[in-house]
Protein backbone atom coordinates (compact mmCIF):
# COMPACT_ATOMS: atom_id res chain seq x y z
CA MET A 1 53.58 -0.62 5.93
CA ASN A 2 52.71 2.44 8.07
CA LEU A 3 53.37 5.86 6.39
CA PRO A 4 55.37 8.50 8.11
CA ASN A 5 53.21 11.36 9.38
CA ASP A 6 54.49 13.76 6.69
CA ALA A 7 53.71 11.27 3.94
CA MET A 8 50.22 10.51 5.20
CA ASN A 9 49.63 14.33 5.36
CA ALA A 10 50.60 14.75 1.82
CA ARG A 11 48.67 12.09 0.64
CA ASP A 12 45.55 13.34 2.43
CA THR A 13 45.97 16.66 1.07
CA ALA A 14 46.59 15.27 -2.54
CA ASP A 15 43.51 13.19 -2.18
CA ALA A 16 41.34 16.20 -0.83
CA VAL A 17 42.42 18.38 -3.68
CA ALA A 18 41.63 15.48 -6.17
CA ARG A 19 38.13 15.11 -4.78
CA ARG A 20 37.43 18.74 -4.70
CA SER A 21 39.20 20.11 -7.70
CA PHE A 22 40.22 17.52 -10.40
CA GLY A 23 37.44 18.45 -12.58
CA LYS A 24 38.03 22.24 -12.18
CA LEU A 25 41.79 21.86 -13.14
CA VAL A 26 41.12 19.65 -15.90
CA ALA A 27 38.42 22.17 -17.18
CA PHE A 28 41.01 24.96 -16.83
CA LEU A 29 43.88 23.19 -18.84
CA ALA A 30 41.50 21.77 -21.41
CA ALA A 31 39.83 25.07 -22.23
CA ARG A 32 43.26 26.47 -23.32
CA THR A 33 44.43 23.51 -25.15
CA ARG A 34 41.31 21.70 -26.55
CA ASP A 35 43.05 18.52 -25.34
CA VAL A 36 41.21 16.92 -22.56
CA ALA A 37 43.14 13.61 -22.50
CA ALA A 38 46.41 15.45 -22.29
CA ALA A 39 45.06 17.72 -19.43
CA GLU A 40 43.84 14.68 -17.55
CA ASP A 41 47.32 12.80 -18.09
CA ALA A 42 49.21 15.85 -17.13
CA LEU A 43 47.26 16.17 -13.92
CA SER A 44 47.66 12.67 -13.16
CA GLU A 45 51.45 13.08 -13.31
CA ALA A 46 51.12 16.30 -11.37
CA PHE A 47 49.44 14.46 -8.49
CA THR A 48 52.16 11.73 -8.56
CA SER A 49 54.87 14.37 -8.31
CA ALA A 50 52.91 15.99 -5.45
CA LEU A 51 52.89 12.65 -3.55
CA ALA A 52 56.74 12.37 -4.18
CA THR A 53 57.61 15.94 -3.19
CA TRP A 54 55.19 17.21 -0.68
CA PRO A 55 56.33 14.78 2.22
CA HIS A 56 59.94 16.15 1.92
CA ASN A 57 59.24 19.75 0.98
CA GLY A 58 56.06 20.38 2.80
CA CYS A 59 52.59 20.92 1.26
CA PRO A 60 52.23 24.22 -0.49
CA SER A 61 50.04 26.89 0.55
CA ASN A 62 48.10 26.73 -2.61
CA PRO A 63 47.98 23.10 -3.81
CA GLU A 64 45.76 23.77 -6.77
CA ALA A 65 48.20 26.34 -8.21
CA TRP A 66 51.12 23.95 -7.47
CA LEU A 67 49.45 21.29 -9.36
CA LEU A 68 48.53 23.44 -12.27
CA THR A 69 51.95 24.84 -12.70
CA VAL A 70 53.42 21.23 -12.61
CA ALA A 71 50.67 20.27 -15.11
CA ARG A 72 51.49 23.09 -17.39
CA ARG A 73 55.12 22.21 -17.61
CA LYS A 74 54.16 18.74 -18.55
CA MET A 75 51.59 19.88 -21.27
CA ILE A 76 54.32 22.23 -22.52
CA ASP A 77 56.91 19.17 -22.87
CA LEU A 78 54.25 17.10 -24.68
CA ALA A 79 53.32 19.98 -26.96
CA ARG A 80 57.14 20.35 -27.89
CA ARG A 81 57.43 16.63 -28.62
CA ARG A 82 54.10 16.39 -30.53
CA ARG A 83 54.35 19.55 -32.69
CA THR A 84 56.65 21.72 -34.81
CA GLY A 85 56.69 25.27 -35.82
CA GLU A 86 53.53 27.42 -35.76
CA ALA A 87 51.38 24.56 -34.27
CA ALA A 88 53.67 24.32 -31.44
CA ALA A 89 53.83 27.91 -30.78
CA VAL A 90 50.00 28.28 -30.83
CA GLN A 91 49.95 25.59 -28.29
CA LEU A 92 52.42 26.97 -25.88
CA LEU A 93 50.79 30.49 -26.21
CA LEU A 94 47.70 28.89 -24.94
CA LEU A 95 49.54 27.57 -21.79
CA GLY A 96 51.40 30.64 -21.31
CA PRO A 97 50.85 34.05 -19.40
CA GLU A 98 47.17 33.81 -18.83
CA PHE A 99 47.71 30.41 -17.23
CA ASP A 100 50.46 31.99 -14.65
CA ASP A 101 48.04 34.81 -13.76
CA GLY A 102 45.14 32.42 -12.99
CA ALA A 103 47.30 30.02 -11.07
CA THR A 104 48.71 32.62 -8.68
CA ASP A 105 45.33 34.45 -8.12
CA ALA A 106 43.42 33.64 -5.03
CA GLY A 107 40.83 31.94 -7.11
CA ILE A 108 41.24 29.72 -10.20
CA PRO A 109 38.86 30.57 -12.99
CA ASP A 110 36.02 27.98 -13.14
CA ASP A 111 35.69 26.53 -16.79
CA ARG A 112 33.61 23.74 -15.73
CA LEU A 113 30.33 24.72 -17.46
CA PRO A 114 32.10 25.84 -20.77
CA LEU A 115 33.61 22.55 -20.78
CA MET A 116 30.34 20.67 -20.23
CA PHE A 117 28.96 22.43 -23.26
CA ALA A 118 31.93 21.67 -25.19
CA CYS A 119 31.09 18.04 -24.47
CA THR A 120 27.61 18.51 -26.00
CA HIS A 121 28.91 19.80 -29.29
CA PRO A 122 27.11 18.39 -32.33
CA ALA A 123 30.34 16.77 -33.54
CA ILE A 124 30.12 14.51 -30.13
CA GLU A 125 27.99 11.52 -30.42
CA ALA A 126 24.92 12.17 -28.59
CA ALA A 127 24.95 8.86 -26.62
CA ILE A 128 28.38 9.72 -25.07
CA ARG A 129 27.99 13.38 -24.18
CA ALA A 130 26.69 12.74 -20.66
CA PRO A 131 29.25 10.02 -19.79
CA LEU A 132 32.08 12.20 -21.32
CA MET A 133 31.03 15.09 -18.94
CA LEU A 134 30.95 12.96 -15.95
CA GLN A 135 34.47 11.82 -16.55
CA VAL A 136 36.22 14.84 -17.61
CA VAL A 137 34.28 17.46 -15.44
CA LEU A 138 33.36 15.43 -12.28
CA GLY A 139 35.97 12.97 -12.06
CA LEU A 140 34.25 9.46 -12.47
CA ASP A 141 36.32 6.63 -13.85
CA ALA A 142 34.88 4.61 -16.76
CA LYS A 143 33.74 1.59 -14.67
CA MET A 144 31.37 3.77 -12.53
CA ILE A 145 30.01 5.52 -15.59
CA ALA A 146 29.61 2.22 -17.36
CA SER A 147 27.56 0.98 -14.23
CA ALA A 148 25.22 3.97 -14.30
CA PHE A 149 24.51 3.84 -18.06
CA LEU A 150 24.10 0.12 -18.24
CA MET A 151 27.28 -0.57 -20.53
CA SER A 152 30.46 -2.63 -20.23
CA PRO A 153 33.44 -0.71 -18.96
CA ALA A 154 35.57 -1.60 -21.66
CA ALA A 155 32.90 -0.34 -24.24
CA MET A 156 32.46 2.81 -22.32
CA GLY A 157 36.33 3.42 -22.04
CA LYS A 158 36.84 3.37 -25.80
CA ARG A 159 34.06 5.61 -26.59
CA LEU A 160 35.25 8.00 -23.89
CA VAL A 161 38.59 8.04 -25.62
CA ARG A 162 37.18 8.56 -29.17
CA ALA A 163 35.12 11.57 -27.80
CA LYS A 164 38.16 13.35 -26.16
CA ASN A 165 40.05 12.80 -29.33
CA LYS A 166 37.15 14.42 -31.43
CA ILE A 167 37.38 17.38 -29.16
CA ARG A 168 41.03 17.93 -29.84
CA GLU A 169 40.86 16.99 -33.56
CA ALA A 170 37.75 19.35 -34.26
CA GLY A 171 39.14 22.21 -32.24
CA ILE A 172 35.89 22.58 -30.20
CA ALA A 173 35.60 25.70 -28.57
CA PHE A 174 34.99 25.90 -24.78
CA SER A 175 32.13 28.31 -24.39
CA ILE A 176 28.58 28.60 -23.54
CA PRO A 177 26.51 28.45 -26.58
CA GLU A 178 24.48 31.39 -27.90
CA ARG A 179 20.53 31.46 -27.27
CA GLU A 180 19.69 29.80 -30.46
CA GLU A 181 21.85 26.85 -29.75
CA LEU A 182 21.38 26.55 -26.20
CA ALA A 183 18.17 24.56 -26.13
CA GLY A 184 19.54 21.63 -28.05
CA ARG A 185 22.63 21.23 -26.00
CA LEU A 186 21.23 22.15 -22.35
CA ASP A 187 19.53 18.75 -21.99
CA ALA A 188 22.87 16.88 -22.29
CA VAL A 189 24.33 18.98 -19.50
CA LEU A 190 21.44 18.63 -17.12
CA ASP A 191 21.37 14.80 -17.75
CA ALA A 192 25.21 14.55 -16.87
CA ILE A 193 24.67 16.43 -13.57
CA TYR A 194 21.67 14.42 -12.69
CA ALA A 195 23.61 11.08 -13.48
CA ALA A 196 26.54 12.41 -11.25
CA PHE A 197 24.02 13.12 -8.64
CA THR A 198 22.46 9.63 -8.86
CA GLU A 199 25.85 7.95 -8.69
CA GLY A 200 26.65 9.80 -5.55
CA TRP A 201 23.35 9.21 -4.09
CA THR A 202 24.15 5.16 -4.18
CA ASP A 203 26.20 5.85 -0.76
CA PRO A 204 23.17 6.89 1.34
CA GLY A 205 24.97 6.33 4.49
CA GLY A 206 27.56 9.07 3.55
CA THR A 207 30.43 6.73 4.42
CA ASP A 208 32.21 6.90 1.06
CA VAL A 209 33.94 10.32 0.93
CA ALA A 210 34.37 10.37 -2.74
CA ARG A 211 30.67 9.62 -3.33
CA ARG A 212 29.47 12.23 -0.90
CA ASP A 213 31.67 14.79 -2.44
CA LEU A 214 30.30 13.71 -5.88
CA THR A 215 26.70 14.44 -4.82
CA ASP A 216 27.97 17.82 -3.29
CA GLU A 217 29.66 18.59 -6.64
CA ALA A 218 26.58 17.84 -8.75
CA LEU A 219 24.53 20.13 -6.56
CA PHE A 220 26.96 22.81 -6.96
CA LEU A 221 26.96 22.42 -10.87
CA ALA A 222 22.98 22.37 -10.80
CA ARG A 223 23.10 25.56 -8.80
CA LEU A 224 25.81 27.23 -11.11
CA VAL A 225 23.47 26.33 -14.29
CA ALA A 226 20.38 27.52 -12.59
CA ASP A 227 22.14 30.76 -11.51
CA LEU A 228 23.40 31.34 -15.07
CA LEU A 229 20.23 30.38 -16.80
CA PRO A 230 17.47 31.49 -14.37
CA ARG A 231 14.86 31.77 -17.16
CA GLU A 232 15.24 28.16 -18.32
CA PRO A 233 12.61 26.21 -16.42
CA GLU A 234 14.43 22.78 -16.64
CA THR A 235 17.64 24.15 -14.92
CA LEU A 236 15.35 25.01 -12.01
CA GLY A 237 13.33 21.82 -12.21
CA LEU A 238 16.66 19.76 -12.02
CA LEU A 239 17.93 21.60 -9.10
CA ALA A 240 14.65 21.13 -7.34
CA CYS A 241 14.50 17.44 -7.91
CA MET A 242 18.03 17.17 -6.68
CA LEU A 243 17.24 19.15 -3.53
CA HIS A 244 14.15 17.18 -2.82
CA ALA A 245 16.25 13.93 -2.85
CA GLN A 246 19.13 15.41 -0.87
CA ALA A 247 16.74 16.57 1.87
CA ARG A 248 16.06 12.92 2.72
CA ARG A 249 19.35 11.73 2.76
CA ARG A 250 19.60 11.50 6.74
CA ALA A 251 16.22 9.48 7.01
CA ARG A 252 17.52 6.69 4.41
CA ARG A 253 19.44 4.89 7.15
CA GLY A 254 18.42 3.94 10.63
CA ASP A 255 20.58 4.45 13.68
CA ASP A 256 21.83 0.92 13.12
CA GLY A 257 22.88 1.71 9.54
CA GLU A 258 20.01 -0.30 8.03
CA TYR A 259 17.97 0.76 4.85
CA VAL A 260 14.84 2.75 5.49
CA PRO A 261 12.45 2.93 2.38
CA LEU A 262 10.63 6.18 1.55
CA ALA A 263 7.33 4.92 2.84
CA GLU A 264 8.96 4.28 6.28
CA GLN A 265 11.19 7.19 6.76
CA ASP A 266 10.65 9.65 9.67
CA PRO A 267 9.82 12.98 8.01
CA ALA A 268 11.25 14.72 11.08
CA LEU A 269 14.65 13.71 9.88
CA TRP A 270 14.11 15.47 6.38
CA ASP A 271 15.88 18.72 5.86
CA TRP A 272 12.75 20.94 5.48
CA PRO A 273 14.68 24.10 4.31
CA LEU A 274 15.92 22.23 1.40
CA ILE A 275 12.50 21.03 0.55
CA ASP A 276 10.92 24.44 0.94
CA GLU A 277 13.77 25.88 -1.59
CA ALA A 278 12.96 23.00 -3.96
CA GLU A 279 9.17 23.89 -3.88
CA ALA A 280 9.85 27.61 -4.52
CA LEU A 281 11.94 26.50 -7.46
CA LEU A 282 9.06 24.33 -8.89
CA ARG A 283 6.84 27.33 -8.54
CA HIS A 284 9.15 29.67 -10.23
CA ALA A 285 9.68 26.99 -13.19
CA SER A 286 5.92 26.52 -13.71
CA ALA A 287 5.49 30.16 -14.05
CA LEU A 288 7.92 30.15 -17.06
CA GLY A 289 5.35 28.41 -19.28
CA SER A 290 7.41 25.34 -20.25
CA ILE A 291 7.18 21.70 -18.99
CA GLY A 292 10.02 19.45 -19.16
CA ARG A 293 11.43 16.08 -17.67
CA TYR A 294 13.09 17.59 -14.64
CA GLN A 295 10.21 19.63 -13.69
CA LEU A 296 8.07 16.25 -13.91
CA GLU A 297 10.76 14.63 -11.58
CA GLY A 298 10.48 17.48 -9.21
CA ALA A 299 6.64 17.35 -9.15
CA LEU A 300 6.79 13.69 -8.33
CA GLN A 301 9.15 14.36 -5.51
CA SER A 302 6.88 16.99 -4.35
CA ALA A 303 3.92 14.61 -4.52
CA HIS A 304 5.91 12.17 -1.93
CA VAL A 305 6.37 15.22 0.34
CA HIS A 306 2.67 16.30 0.12
CA ARG A 307 1.65 12.59 0.94
CA ARG A 308 4.03 12.51 4.08
CA ARG A 309 2.83 16.06 5.11
CA THR A 310 -0.85 15.52 4.86
CA GLY A 311 -1.27 11.58 5.05
CA HIS A 312 -3.41 11.97 1.58
CA ALA A 313 -1.98 10.40 -1.60
CA ASP A 314 -3.37 11.37 -5.10
CA TRP A 315 -2.19 8.27 -6.86
CA ALA A 316 -4.24 9.26 -10.08
CA ALA A 317 -2.00 12.41 -10.32
CA VAL A 318 1.07 10.62 -9.74
CA VAL A 319 0.12 8.10 -12.44
CA GLN A 320 -0.57 10.92 -14.85
CA LEU A 321 2.92 12.54 -14.01
CA TYR A 322 4.67 9.36 -14.71
CA GLU A 323 2.77 8.92 -17.98
CA ALA A 324 3.91 12.35 -19.01
CA LEU A 325 7.45 11.70 -17.94
CA ALA A 326 7.44 8.34 -19.99
CA ARG A 327 6.23 10.24 -23.14
CA LEU A 328 9.10 12.54 -22.81
CA THR A 329 11.83 9.98 -22.04
CA GLY A 330 10.94 6.59 -23.10
CA SER A 331 12.67 5.28 -20.11
CA PRO A 332 11.98 1.79 -18.84
CA VAL A 333 13.01 3.01 -15.36
CA VAL A 334 10.13 5.56 -15.47
CA ALA A 335 7.79 2.68 -16.58
CA ILE A 336 8.83 0.63 -13.50
CA ASN A 337 7.97 3.68 -11.27
CA ARG A 338 4.57 4.30 -13.20
CA ALA A 339 3.70 0.57 -12.68
CA LEU A 340 4.07 0.70 -8.87
CA ALA A 341 1.98 3.91 -9.09
CA VAL A 342 -0.51 2.05 -10.86
CA ALA A 343 -0.43 -0.82 -8.41
CA GLU A 344 -1.45 1.73 -5.55
CA LEU A 345 -4.01 2.98 -7.57
CA GLN A 346 -5.62 -0.21 -9.16
CA GLY A 347 -3.84 -3.18 -7.38
CA ALA A 348 -0.80 -5.14 -7.75
CA ASP A 349 -2.27 -7.23 -10.54
CA ALA A 350 -2.68 -4.07 -12.60
CA GLY A 351 0.94 -3.09 -11.68
CA LEU A 352 2.35 -6.38 -13.06
CA ILE A 353 0.22 -5.92 -16.31
CA ALA A 354 1.97 -2.46 -16.56
CA MET A 355 5.37 -3.62 -15.80
CA GLN A 356 5.03 -6.43 -18.34
CA GLN A 357 4.96 -3.82 -21.00
CA VAL A 358 8.86 -3.19 -20.52
CA ALA A 359 9.82 -6.60 -19.30
CA ALA A 360 11.40 -7.48 -22.53
CA ASP A 361 13.74 -4.57 -22.31
CA ALA A 362 17.22 -6.14 -22.23
CA ARG A 363 18.71 -3.44 -20.09
CA LEU A 364 16.55 -4.46 -17.17
CA ALA A 365 17.95 -7.82 -16.85
CA GLN A 366 20.69 -6.46 -14.75
CA TYR A 367 18.75 -3.52 -13.07
CA GLN A 368 18.14 -4.28 -9.38
CA PRO A 369 15.14 -2.00 -8.81
CA TYR A 370 13.09 -3.79 -11.78
CA TRP A 371 13.53 -7.09 -9.87
CA ALA A 372 12.85 -5.76 -6.43
CA ALA A 373 9.60 -3.92 -7.75
CA ARG A 374 8.49 -7.17 -9.49
CA ALA A 375 9.09 -9.14 -6.30
CA GLU A 376 7.28 -6.74 -4.34
CA LEU A 377 4.04 -6.80 -6.56
CA LEU A 378 4.27 -10.43 -6.84
CA ALA A 379 4.26 -10.77 -3.19
CA ARG A 380 1.19 -8.72 -3.08
CA THR A 381 -0.70 -10.97 -5.45
CA GLY A 382 0.25 -13.82 -3.39
CA ALA A 383 2.65 -15.43 -6.15
CA HIS A 384 5.32 -16.05 -3.26
CA ARG A 385 7.36 -18.58 -5.36
CA GLU A 386 7.94 -16.23 -8.34
CA ALA A 387 8.41 -13.36 -6.01
CA ARG A 388 10.95 -15.27 -4.25
CA ASP A 389 13.00 -15.92 -7.59
CA ALA A 390 12.45 -12.19 -8.24
CA TYR A 391 13.94 -11.41 -4.86
CA ASP A 392 17.11 -13.59 -5.52
CA MET A 393 17.82 -11.53 -8.72
CA ALA A 394 17.50 -8.37 -7.02
CA ILE A 395 19.65 -9.51 -4.04
CA GLY A 396 22.33 -10.82 -6.27
CA LEU A 397 22.42 -7.55 -8.21
CA GLU A 398 22.44 -5.31 -5.15
CA ARG A 399 25.92 -3.74 -4.18
CA ASP A 400 24.78 -1.93 -1.13
CA PRO A 401 24.97 -4.13 1.84
CA ALA A 402 22.13 -2.57 3.66
CA VAL A 403 19.76 -2.74 0.86
CA ARG A 404 20.78 -6.36 0.26
CA ARG A 405 19.91 -7.02 3.85
CA PHE A 406 16.57 -5.27 3.53
CA LEU A 407 15.77 -7.43 0.44
CA GLN A 408 16.75 -10.53 2.09
CA ARG A 409 14.31 -9.65 5.19
CA ARG A 410 11.33 -9.02 2.56
CA GLN A 411 12.15 -12.38 0.87
CA ALA A 412 12.25 -14.28 4.23
CA GLY A 413 8.78 -12.78 5.34
CA LEU A 414 7.09 -14.47 2.37
CA ALA A 415 5.07 -17.44 3.14
CA ASN A 416 6.25 -20.93 2.05
């Protein structure tokens, strides 16, 4: 059924606000009520109301303020139904005049960073902190988060609900921690931003607007944290790592839309001002005298750039960087990348031996890059039958059609 133009315009406006501002609006509401789930529900109802009224009454001049006003009324109604006496008075006060002032202002206060730190409170289970931030601050649904964290959607959904209940029940404050508490909670904030960026990165062609916006949102948050904490080297390292990756986005697809691996990309298509910014951030971070995961990730990205700029590769240094990163993270994904670097330095057989060290990790059974890397190394050793089987696994697990076609071409190139 074709929608009338007004209805289509209203839906487009609501969709645009949802992509751009849902997390910001949730943060604004939740910071005043400590009830993340109720804020999400109220905003969802407000968007439903927008789709029902905007086609008839026209889109408001300030859609965000309109949505916040409607969501506020819904949360007040909920507070009145749930609470009595002093508890209800406190809840209504939190949703009162300060909210109106913010909603009618040209800019709505941005409480996303305090909300992210609330999600890293010690009362919240460590393993769910990053997924929680992805949902409440950046708007990812449980299914997408579960995929990123190698977990079933049902299990992820239940854990997210429990975490939101904990924020409400414990009355966790929405504030940036004091210096002595900051170090222990900053890592989870950075991990959440990076996970969001990685999820958006799975649409390298930029055809999925929501995912493209997710990448931009993650970059915005990384810049926000780096601006707020300019003396924390890991905030600079994270931003540098993300900028390096973002700089190559345009080169990841050919004119025909086909996937182009890093080794075959045209550096002329890279965004060199972003790369130069990333390099400056890494130099600044290194001068602060404390090394961490994201600085190492950024250094590895920098090594790729150096190789393409100069034509010379220092694989021994790359292996050392991966070894340092593996010691910090214990990540099987890092171990896979280290194995590929070992293969460049010592040959494919050595790479396969290195990869065997993590082959028993159950999380890798459904991890496409593991099977693709294994297939590539097996092919180099001449074990074409095993390589073909590994390619079958990688192809079956890949959700991007362009990458799937790339893998199929690599498989087809194997000798019988």
